[in-house]
């Protein structure tokens, strides 16, 4: 099969640069992931590679560059899911981990649990030898200034990727710093399988936006359930978001990929940056 990759950088306000920086960062992250797919690599490795790169980019709200809690700390969430096996791994409210997406993969690979949070997840990172750091190392000057001024989030958003590899396998991954000014311990939609992240044999999805609303409507899984070979995937994504807004008032964005290789994306916020490699409408 021809590989396909779709990467997003979060849904929200229009960035001050008009979104050029977000698109540039997404293109760079997609480049490395796309090379893996073209060389026959698995979809799981591709989505992790894309998200890991974005966790290093301070333009986005994931990893280095995450927004701060009301206490001025970073707490991050991430998840990965293999559509071929329905295996998933996720972490939430982690503080000492450089790349939450790598820890989410470790949870998946161990296979004992699906979701680990806080200190327990961080102990697993230490046991697996994953890159760790003091929480202060993940705070950018821009995020600290934002927190000190009590400003709403004007930076980049949650990041996510979906991929289809040459063997027909699907995968999804999502990573986020959450909502600016959130309570300590808050868990959003990104690490909740079926809400912010989902993949099965039919399709894969990664969501972004109002996490509490996304959780309430189980957005990602419902969107995959709604996939129809006769319907444009952008329309399917838009319909899922419209339903969420009608039921909860929440807004957001969604990327979708089906097993046949078609892709779609939609958002009900002013802006969402998306980069696609391969595939079609």
C-alpha atoms as a PDB file:
ATOM      1  CA  UNK A   1       0.000   0.000   0.000  1.00  0.00           C
ATOM      2  CA  UNK A   2       1.020   3.591  -0.460  1.00  0.00           C
ATOM      3  CA  UNK A   3       1.870   5.105   2.952  1.00  0.00           C
ATOM      4  CA  UNK A   4      -0.002   8.098   4.320  1.00  0.00           C
ATOM      5  CA  UNK A   5       0.810  10.521   7.143  1.00  0.00           C
ATOM      6  CA  UNK A   6      -1.217  13.340   8.655  1.00  0.00           C
ATOM      7  CA  UNK A   7       0.152  15.606  11.430  1.00  0.00           C
ATOM      8  CA  UNK A   8      -1.560  18.440  13.331  1.00  0.00           C
ATOM      9  CA  UNK A   9      -0.323  21.172  15.642  1.00  0.00           C
ATOM     10  CA  UNK A  10      -3.442  21.930  17.670  1.00  0.00           C
ATOM     11  CA  UNK A  11      -6.640  23.886  17.212  1.00  0.00           C
ATOM     12  CA  UNK A  12      -7.092  27.365  18.645  1.00  0.00           C
ATOM     13  CA  UNK A  13      -6.506  31.026  17.970  1.00  0.00           C
ATOM     14  CA  UNK A  14      -4.671  32.303  14.918  1.00  0.00           C
ATOM     15  CA  UNK A  15      -0.967  32.638  15.922  1.00  0.00           C
ATOM     16  CA  UNK A  16       0.611  36.061  15.795  1.00  0.00           C
ATOM     17  CA  UNK A  17       2.700  34.970  12.788  1.00  0.00           C
ATOM     18  CA  UNK A  18      -0.388  33.800  10.948  1.00  0.00           C
ATOM     19  CA  UNK A  19       0.516  30.149  11.453  1.00  0.00           C
ATOM     20  CA  UNK A  20       3.695  30.074   9.387  1.00  0.00           C
ATOM     21  CA  UNK A  21       5.813  28.884  12.284  1.00  0.00           C
ATOM     22  CA  UNK A  22       3.411  26.072  13.124  1.00  0.00           C
ATOM     23  CA  UNK A  23       3.314  24.856   9.539  1.00  0.00           C
ATOM     24  CA  UNK A  24       7.102  24.971   9.322  1.00  0.00           C
ATOM     25  CA  UNK A  25       7.452  22.931  12.514  1.00  0.00           C
ATOM     26  CA  UNK A  26       4.895  20.396  11.347  1.00  0.00           C
ATOM     27  CA  UNK A  27       6.595  20.044   7.977  1.00  0.00           C
ATOM     28  CA  UNK A  28       9.935  19.329   9.663  1.00  0.00           C
ATOM     29  CA  UNK A  29       8.401  16.742  11.993  1.00  0.00           C
ATOM     30  CA  UNK A  30       6.487  15.114   9.147  1.00  0.00           C
ATOM     31  CA  UNK A  31       9.656  14.875   7.071  1.00  0.00           C
ATOM     32  CA  UNK A  32      11.428  12.417   9.350  1.00  0.00           C
ATOM     33  CA  UNK A  33       8.274  10.368   9.905  1.00  0.00           C
ATOM     34  CA  UNK A  34       7.555  10.237   6.182  1.00  0.00           C
ATOM     35  CA  UNK A  35      11.010   8.886   5.420  1.00  0.00           C
ATOM     36  CA  UNK A  36      10.338   6.009   7.827  1.00  0.00           C
ATOM     37  CA  UNK A  37       7.104   5.165   6.019  1.00  0.00           C
ATOM     38  CA  UNK A  38       8.635   5.398   2.555  1.00  0.00           C
ATOM     39  CA  UNK A  39      11.358   2.973   3.636  1.00  0.00           C
ATOM     40  CA  UNK A  40       8.721   0.463   4.755  1.00  0.00           C
ATOM     41  CA  UNK A  41       8.715   1.316   8.443  1.00  0.00           C
ATOM     42  CA  UNK A  42       5.672   0.718  10.665  1.00  0.00           C
ATOM     43  CA  UNK A  43       2.953   3.295  11.185  1.00  0.00           C
ATOM     44  CA  UNK A  44       3.539   3.194  14.938  1.00  0.00           C
ATOM     45  CA  UNK A  45       7.158   4.307  14.589  1.00  0.00           C
ATOM     46  CA  UNK A  46       6.146   7.052  12.165  1.00  0.00           C
ATOM     47  CA  UNK A  47       3.550   8.678  14.420  1.00  0.00           C
ATOM     48  CA  UNK A  48       5.917   8.488  17.386  1.00  0.00           C
ATOM     49  CA  UNK A  49       8.730  10.065  15.368  1.00  0.00           C
ATOM     50  CA  UNK A  50       6.491  12.943  14.281  1.00  0.00           C
ATOM     51  CA  UNK A  51       5.147  13.616  17.768  1.00  0.00           C
ATOM     52  CA  UNK A  52       8.551  13.267  19.427  1.00  0.00           C
ATOM     53  CA  UNK A  53       9.938  15.933  17.107  1.00  0.00           C
ATOM     54  CA  UNK A  54       7.066  18.258  17.962  1.00  0.00           C
ATOM     55  CA  UNK A  55       7.666  17.683  21.689  1.00  0.00           C
ATOM     56  CA  UNK A  56      11.074  19.286  21.119  1.00  0.00           C
ATOM     57  CA  UNK A  57       9.627  22.297  19.283  1.00  0.00           C
ATOM     58  CA  UNK A  58       8.717  25.134  21.695  1.00  0.00           C
ATOM     59  CA  UNK A  59       6.178  26.413  19.181  1.00  0.00           C
ATOM     60  CA  UNK A  60       3.764  23.714  20.363  1.00  0.00           C
ATOM     61  CA  UNK A  61       2.003  22.817  23.597  1.00  0.00           C
ATOM     62  CA  UNK A  62       3.704  19.460  24.124  1.00  0.00           C
ATOM     63  CA  UNK A  63       6.948  18.443  25.805  1.00  0.00           C
ATOM     64  CA  UNK A  64       9.276  21.453  25.819  1.00  0.00           C
ATOM     65  CA  UNK A  65       6.874  24.354  25.401  1.00  0.00           C
ATOM     66  CA  UNK A  66       3.953  22.916  27.356  1.00  0.00           C
ATOM     67  CA  UNK A  67       1.610  25.365  29.058  1.00  0.00           C
ATOM     68  CA  UNK A  68       1.737  25.721  32.836  1.00  0.00           C
ATOM     69  CA  UNK A  69      -0.719  24.695  35.517  1.00  0.00           C
ATOM     70  CA  UNK A  70      -2.176  27.241  37.936  1.00  0.00           C
ATOM     71  CA  UNK A  71       0.776  26.362  40.204  1.00  0.00           C
ATOM     72  CA  UNK A  72       3.308  27.244  37.501  1.00  0.00           C
ATOM     73  CA  UNK A  73       4.345  23.664  36.691  1.00  0.00           C
ATOM     74  CA  UNK A  74       4.303  21.484  33.575  1.00  0.00           C
ATOM     75  CA  UNK A  75       2.095  18.358  33.558  1.00  0.00           C
ATOM     76  CA  UNK A  76       1.892  16.453  30.285  1.00  0.00           C
ATOM     77  CA  UNK A  77      -0.328  13.793  28.714  1.00  0.00           C
ATOM     78  CA  UNK A  78       0.288  11.505  25.724  1.00  0.00           C
ATOM     79  CA  UNK A  79      -1.067   8.377  24.055  1.00  0.00           C
ATOM     80  CA  UNK A  80      -0.362   5.981  21.194  1.00  0.00           C
ATOM     81  CA  UNK A  81      -2.599   3.303  19.663  1.00  0.00           C
ATOM     82  CA  UNK A  82      -1.912   0.515  17.185  1.00  0.00           C
ATOM     83  CA  UNK A  83      -4.948   0.006  14.953  1.00  0.00           C
ATOM     84  CA  UNK A  84      -3.835  -3.428  13.803  1.00  0.00           C
ATOM     85  CA  UNK A  85      -3.673  -4.950  17.294  1.00  0.00           C
ATOM     86  CA  UNK A  86      -5.866  -2.499  19.274  1.00  0.00           C
ATOM     87  CA  UNK A  87      -3.005  -2.171  21.744  1.00  0.00           C
ATOM     88  CA  UNK A  88      -2.641   1.236  23.374  1.00  0.00           C
ATOM     89  CA  UNK A  89      -0.417   3.028  25.850  1.00  0.00           C
ATOM     90  CA  UNK A  90      -0.938   6.359  27.575  1.00  0.00           C
ATOM     91  CA  UNK A  91       0.447   8.566  30.339  1.00  0.00           C
ATOM     92  CA  UNK A  92      -1.008  11.569  32.130  1.00  0.00           C
ATOM     93  CA  UNK A  93       0.144  14.316  34.497  1.00  0.00           C
ATOM     94  CA  UNK A  94       3.836  13.492  34.019  1.00  0.00           C
ATOM     95  CA  UNK A  95       6.444  16.102  34.938  1.00  0.00           C
ATOM     96  CA  UNK A  96       9.942  14.604  34.806  1.00  0.00           C
ATOM     97  CA  UNK A  97       9.885  13.079  31.323  1.00  0.00           C
ATOM     98  CA  UNK A  98      11.440  14.729  28.272  1.00  0.00           C
ATOM     99  CA  UNK A  99       9.255  12.863  25.782  1.00  0.00           C
ATOM    100  CA  UNK A 100       5.869  11.706  27.102  1.00  0.00           C
ATOM    101  CA  UNK A 101       5.139   9.968  23.783  1.00  0.00           C
ATOM    102  CA  UNK A 102       8.085   7.598  24.321  1.00  0.00           C
ATOM    103  CA  UNK A 103       6.749   6.740  27.762  1.00  0.00           C
ATOM    104  CA  UNK A 104       3.293   6.101  26.279  1.00  0.00           C
ATOM    105  CA  UNK A 105       4.899   3.659  23.844  1.00  0.00           C
ATOM    106  CA  UNK A 106       6.659   1.928  26.760  1.00  0.00           C
ATOM    107  CA  UNK A 107       3.285   1.426  28.441  1.00  0.00           C
ATOM    108  CA  UNK A 108       1.941  -0.086  25.208  1.00  0.00           C
ATOM    109  CA  UNK A 109       4.938  -2.361  24.780  1.00  0.00           C
ATOM    110  CA  UNK A 110       4.787  -3.664  28.338  1.00  0.00           C
ATOM    111  CA  UNK A 111       1.128  -4.544  27.761  1.00  0.00           C
ATOM    112  CA  UNK A 112       0.206  -4.709  31.432  1.00  0.00           C
ATOM    113  CA  UNK A 113      -1.838  -1.495  31.552  1.00  0.00           C
ATOM    114  CA  UNK A 114      -3.139   1.145  29.154  1.00  0.00           C
ATOM    115  CA  UNK A 115      -2.835   4.340  31.227  1.00  0.00           C
ATOM    116  CA  UNK A 116      -0.310   5.325  33.891  1.00  0.00           C
ATOM    117  CA  UNK A 117      -0.314   8.689  35.653  1.00  0.00           C
ATOM    118  CA  UNK A 118       1.978  10.933  37.659  1.00  0.00           C
ATOM    119  CA  UNK A 119       4.644   9.393  39.860  1.00  0.00           C
ATOM    120  CA  UNK A 120       3.898   5.831  38.775  1.00  0.00           C
ATOM    121  CA  UNK A 121       4.424   6.725  35.132  1.00  0.00           C
ATOM    122  CA  UNK A 122       7.638   8.572  35.993  1.00  0.00           C
ATOM    123  CA  UNK A 123       8.984   5.523  37.844  1.00  0.00           C
ATOM    124  CA  UNK A 124       8.408   3.484  34.704  1.00  0.00           C
ATOM    125  CA  UNK A 125      10.329   6.058  32.667  1.00  0.00           C
ATOM    126  CA  UNK A 126      13.270   5.726  35.051  1.00  0.00           C
ATOM    127  CA  UNK A 127      13.124   1.933  34.914  1.00  0.00           C
ATOM    128  CA  UNK A 128      13.104   1.982  31.103  1.00  0.00           C
ATOM    129  CA  UNK A 129      15.973   4.474  30.879  1.00  0.00           C
ATOM    130  CA  UNK A 130      13.888   7.042  29.018  1.00  0.00           C
ATOM    131  CA  UNK A 131      15.146  10.652  28.862  1.00  0.00           C
ATOM    132  CA  UNK A 132      14.214  12.492  32.072  1.00  0.00           C
ATOM    133  CA  UNK A 133      14.731  16.046  33.248  1.00  0.00           C
ATOM    134  CA  UNK A 134      13.841  18.446  36.042  1.00  0.00           C
ATOM    135  CA  UNK A 135      10.366  19.910  35.376  1.00  0.00           C
ATOM    136  CA  UNK A 136      11.834  23.392  35.053  1.00  0.00           C
ATOM    137  CA  UNK A 137      13.751  22.300  31.957  1.00  0.00           C
ATOM    138  CA  UNK A 138      10.466  21.960  30.064  1.00  0.00           C
ATOM    139  CA  UNK A 139       9.323  25.536  30.752  1.00  0.00           C
ATOM    140  CA  UNK A 140      10.070  28.055  28.025  1.00  0.00           C
ATOM    141  CA  UNK A 141      10.475  31.767  28.812  1.00  0.00           C
ATOM    142  CA  UNK A 142       7.349  32.483  26.756  1.00  0.00           C
ATOM    143  CA  UNK A 143       5.248  30.049  28.785  1.00  0.00           C
ATOM    144  CA  UNK A 144       6.577  31.438  32.068  1.00  0.00           C
ATOM    145  CA  UNK A 145       5.730  34.977  30.946  1.00  0.00           C
ATOM    146  CA  UNK A 146       2.277  33.831  29.881  1.00  0.00           C
ATOM    147  CA  UNK A 147       1.669  32.278  33.315  1.00  0.00           C
ATOM    148  CA  UNK A 148       2.976  35.322  35.200  1.00  0.00           C
ATOM    149  CA  UNK A 149       0.650  37.611  33.277  1.00  0.00           C
ATOM    150  CA  UNK A 150      -2.308  35.276  33.598  1.00  0.00           C
ATOM    151  CA  UNK A 151      -2.773  35.353  29.846  1.00  0.00           C
ATOM    152  CA  UNK A 152      -4.803  32.885  27.835  1.00  0.00           C
ATOM    153  CA  UNK A 153      -2.890  30.466  25.653  1.00  0.00           C
ATOM    154  CA  UNK A 154      -1.616  32.175  22.510  1.00  0.00           C
ATOM    155  CA  UNK A 155       1.033  29.612  21.650  1.00  0.00           C
ATOM    156  CA  UNK A 156       0.780  26.416  19.636  1.00  0.00           C
ATOM    157  CA  UNK A 157      -1.461  23.595  20.684  1.00  0.00           C
ATOM    158  CA  UNK A 158      -1.675  19.877  21.241  1.00  0.00           C
ATOM    159  CA  UNK A 159       0.167  17.813  18.631  1.00  0.00           C
ATOM    160  CA  UNK A 160      -0.888  14.582  16.983  1.00  0.00           C
ATOM    161  CA  UNK A 161      -0.288  12.252  14.063  1.00  0.00           C
ATOM    162  CA  UNK A 162      -2.002   9.388  12.242  1.00  0.00           C
ATOM    163  CA  UNK A 163      -0.313   7.080   9.746  1.00  0.00           C
ATOM    164  CA  UNK A 164      -0.881   4.170   7.379  1.00  0.00           C
ATOM    165  CA  UNK A 165       2.142   2.080   6.414  1.00  0.00           C
ATOM    166  CA  UNK A 166       2.930  -0.105   3.393  1.00  0.00           C
ATOM    167  CA  UNK A 167       1.654  -3.177   5.236  1.00  0.00           C
ATOM    168  CA  UNK A 168      -1.743  -1.536   5.758  1.00  0.00           C
ATOM    169  CA  UNK A 169      -1.257  -0.916   9.476  1.00  0.00           C
ATOM    170  CA  UNK A 170      -2.772   2.171  11.108  1.00  0.00           C
ATOM    171  CA  UNK A 171      -1.589   4.082  14.177  1.00  0.00           C
ATOM    172  CA  UNK A 172      -2.394   7.282  16.055  1.00  0.00           C
ATOM    173  CA  UNK A 173      -0.457   9.373  18.570  1.00  0.00           C
ATOM    174  CA  UNK A 174      -1.227  12.559  20.521  1.00  0.00           C
ATOM    175  CA  UNK A 175       0.760  14.637  23.042  1.00  0.00           C
ATOM    176  CA  UNK A 176      -0.121  17.762  25.005  1.00  0.00           C
ATOM    177  CA  UNK A 177       0.721  20.018  27.899  1.00  0.00           C
ATOM    178  CA  UNK A 178      -3.007  20.410  28.518  1.00  0.00           C
ATOM    179  CA  UNK A 179      -4.886  23.617  29.220  1.00  0.00           C
ATOM    180  CA  UNK A 180      -3.123  26.761  30.422  1.00  0.00           C
ATOM    181  CA  UNK A 181      -3.857  27.453  34.096  1.00  0.00           C
ATOM    182  CA  UNK A 182      -5.382  24.022  34.705  1.00  0.00           C
ATOM    183  CA  UNK A 183      -5.590  22.519  38.178  1.00  0.00           C
ATOM    184  CA  UNK A 184      -2.727  20.230  39.153  1.00  0.00           C
ATOM    185  CA  UNK A 185      -3.676  16.655  38.313  1.00  0.00           C
ATOM    186  CA  UNK A 186      -6.090  17.540  35.537  1.00  0.00           C
ATOM    187  CA  UNK A 187      -6.168  14.905  32.783  1.00  0.00           C
ATOM    188  CA  UNK A 188      -7.402  15.915  29.355  1.00  0.00           C
ATOM    189  CA  UNK A 189      -8.646  14.013  26.343  1.00  0.00           C
ATOM    190  CA  UNK A 190      -5.305  13.226  24.676  1.00  0.00           C
ATOM    191  CA  UNK A 191      -4.361  10.180  26.820  1.00  0.00           C
ATOM    192  CA  UNK A 192      -7.922   8.833  26.993  1.00  0.00           C
ATOM    193  CA  UNK A 193      -8.311   6.155  24.339  1.00  0.00           C
ATOM    194  CA  UNK A 194     -11.334   6.883  22.155  1.00  0.00           C
ATOM    195  CA  UNK A 195     -11.456  10.526  23.185  1.00  0.00           C
ATOM    196  CA  UNK A 196      -8.343  12.318  21.925  1.00  0.00           C
ATOM    197  CA  UNK A 197      -6.592   9.318  20.391  1.00  0.00           C
ATOM    198  CA  UNK A 198      -7.939   6.234  18.609  1.00  0.00           C
ATOM    199  CA  UNK A 199      -7.048   3.677  15.934  1.00  0.00           C
ATOM    200  CA  UNK A 200      -8.505   0.362  14.786  1.00  0.00           C
ATOM    201  CA  UNK A 201      -8.539  -1.629  11.550  1.00  0.00           C
ATOM    202  CA  UNK A 202     -10.900   0.896   9.941  1.00  0.00           C
ATOM    203  CA  UNK A 203      -9.196   4.178  10.682  1.00  0.00           C
ATOM    204  CA  UNK A 204      -7.157   6.413  12.984  1.00  0.00           C
ATOM    205  CA  UNK A 205      -7.868   9.780  14.608  1.00  0.00           C
ATOM    206  CA  UNK A 206      -6.182  12.433  16.732  1.00  0.00           C
ATOM    207  CA  UNK A 207      -8.178  15.263  18.299  1.00  0.00           C
ATOM    208  CA  UNK A 208      -7.341  18.662  19.772  1.00  0.00           C
ATOM    209  CA  UNK A 209      -9.262  21.501  21.392  1.00  0.00           C
ATOM    210  CA  UNK A 210     -11.628  21.668  24.361  1.00  0.00           C
ATOM    211  CA  UNK A 211     -10.525  18.533  26.194  1.00  0.00           C
ATOM    212  CA  UNK A 212     -13.493  18.288  28.515  1.00  0.00           C
ATOM    213  CA  UNK A 213     -15.893  18.475  25.566  1.00  0.00           C
ATOM    214  CA  UNK A 214     -13.880  15.909  23.584  1.00  0.00           C
ATOM    215  CA  UNK A 215     -14.042  13.527  26.547  1.00  0.00           C
ATOM    216  CA  UNK A 216     -17.801  13.925  26.933  1.00  0.00           C
ATOM    217  CA  UNK A 217     -18.542  12.924  23.344  1.00  0.00           C
ATOM    218  CA  UNK A 218     -15.714  10.349  22.948  1.00  0.00           C
ATOM    219  CA  UNK A 219     -14.781  12.254  19.801  1.00  0.00           C
ATOM    220  CA  UNK A 220     -12.021  10.205  18.167  1.00  0.00           C
ATOM    221  CA  UNK A 221     -13.729   6.821  18.405  1.00  0.00           C
ATOM    222  CA  UNK A 222     -17.092   8.188  17.284  1.00  0.00           C
ATOM    223  CA  UNK A 223     -15.454   9.785  14.259  1.00  0.00           C
ATOM    224  CA  UNK A 224     -13.801   6.499  13.269  1.00  0.00           C
ATOM    225  CA  UNK A 225     -17.121   4.708  13.796  1.00  0.00           C
ATOM    226  CA  UNK A 226     -18.710   7.183  11.372  1.00  0.00           C
ATOM    227  CA  UNK A 227     -16.250   6.489   8.533  1.00  0.00           C
ATOM    228  CA  UNK A 228     -18.117   5.759   5.313  1.00  0.00           C
ATOM    229  CA  UNK A 229     -16.534   4.980   1.915  1.00  0.00           C
ATOM    230  CA  UNK A 230     -19.186   7.182   0.297  1.00  0.00           C
ATOM    231  CA  UNK A 231     -18.483  10.221   2.487  1.00  0.00           C
ATOM    232  CA  UNK A 232     -15.580  12.655   2.305  1.00  0.00           C
ATOM    233  CA  UNK A 233     -13.434  12.346   5.430  1.00  0.00           C
ATOM    234  CA  UNK A 234     -13.252  16.102   5.948  1.00  0.00           C
ATOM    235  CA  UNK A 235     -17.050  16.084   6.065  1.00  0.00           C
ATOM    236  CA  UNK A 236     -16.990  13.211   8.563  1.00  0.00           C
ATOM    237  CA  UNK A 237     -14.565  15.116  10.789  1.00  0.00           C
ATOM    238  CA  UNK A 238     -16.616  18.308  10.487  1.00  0.00           C
ATOM    239  CA  UNK A 239     -19.812  16.461  11.401  1.00  0.00           C
ATOM    240  CA  UNK A 240     -18.209  14.959  14.508  1.00  0.00           C
ATOM    241  CA  UNK A 241     -17.008  18.383  15.631  1.00  0.00           C
ATOM    242  CA  UNK A 242     -20.377  19.979  14.901  1.00  0.00           C
ATOM    243  CA  UNK A 243     -22.086  17.351  17.028  1.00  0.00           C
ATOM    244  CA  UNK A 244     -19.657  18.038  19.873  1.00  0.00           C
ATOM    245  CA  UNK A 245     -20.277  21.771  19.676  1.00  0.00           C
ATOM    246  CA  UNK A 246     -24.042  21.299  19.586  1.00  0.00           C
ATOM    247  CA  UNK A 247     -24.003  19.019  22.635  1.00  0.00           C
ATOM    248  CA  UNK A 248     -21.353  20.715  24.771  1.00  0.00           C
ATOM    249  CA  UNK A 249     -20.472  24.083  23.257  1.00  0.00           C
ATOM    250  CA  UNK A 250     -16.866  22.918  22.911  1.00  0.00           C
ATOM    251  CA  UNK A 251     -14.693  23.560  19.877  1.00  0.00           C
ATOM    252  CA  UNK A 252     -11.675  21.773  18.499  1.00  0.00           C
ATOM    253  CA  UNK A 253     -10.013  20.033  15.605  1.00  0.00           C
ATOM    254  CA  UNK A 254      -9.695  16.506  14.270  1.00  0.00           C
ATOM    255  CA  UNK A 255      -7.573  14.602  11.775  1.00  0.00           C
ATOM    256  CA  UNK A 256      -8.821  11.332  10.282  1.00  0.00           C
ATOM    257  CA  UNK A 257      -7.249   8.571   8.198  1.00  0.00           C
ATOM    258  CA  UNK A 258      -8.987   5.477   6.888  1.00  0.00           C
ATOM    259  CA  UNK A 259      -7.567   2.090   5.969  1.00  0.00           C
ATOM    260  CA  UNK A 260      -7.972   2.801   2.238  1.00  0.00           C
ATOM    261  CA  UNK A 261      -5.655   5.801   2.589  1.00  0.00           C
ATOM    262  CA  UNK A 262      -8.136   8.673   2.388  1.00  0.00           C
ATOM    263  CA  UNK A 263      -7.580  11.544   4.821  1.00  0.00           C
ATOM    264  CA  UNK A 264      -9.623  14.387   6.253  1.00  0.00           C
ATOM    265  CA  UNK A 265      -9.290  17.225   8.732  1.00  0.00           C
ATOM    266  CA  UNK A 266     -11.623  19.828  10.167  1.00  0.00           C
ATOM    267  CA  UNK A 267     -11.721  22.421  12.945  1.00  0.00           C
ATOM    268  CA  UNK A 268     -14.289  24.665  14.617  1.00  0.00           C
ATOM    269  CA  UNK A 269     -11.662  27.043  15.977  1.00  0.00           C
ATOM    270  CA  UNK A 270     -10.167  29.951  14.016  1.00  0.00           C
ATOM    271  CA  UNK A 271      -7.001  28.000  13.219  1.00  0.00           C
ATOM    272  CA  UNK A 272      -5.485  24.512  12.994  1.00  0.00           C
ATOM    273  CA  UNK A 273      -2.276  23.677  11.156  1.00  0.00           C
ATOM    274  CA  UNK A 274      -2.177  20.288   9.389  1.00  0.00           C
ATOM    275  CA  UNK A 275       0.471  18.719   7.157  1.00  0.00           C
ATOM    276  CA  UNK A 276      -0.197  15.689   4.970  1.00  0.00           C
ATOM    277  CA  UNK A 277       2.148  13.357   3.153  1.00  0.00           C
ATOM    278  CA  UNK A 278       0.745  10.844   0.639  1.00  0.00           C
ATOM    279  CA  UNK A 279      -2.912   9.873   0.467  1.00  0.00           C
ATOM    280  CA  UNK A 280      -5.854  11.740  -0.985  1.00  0.00           C
ATOM    281  CA  UNK A 281      -9.142  13.381  -0.134  1.00  0.00           C
END
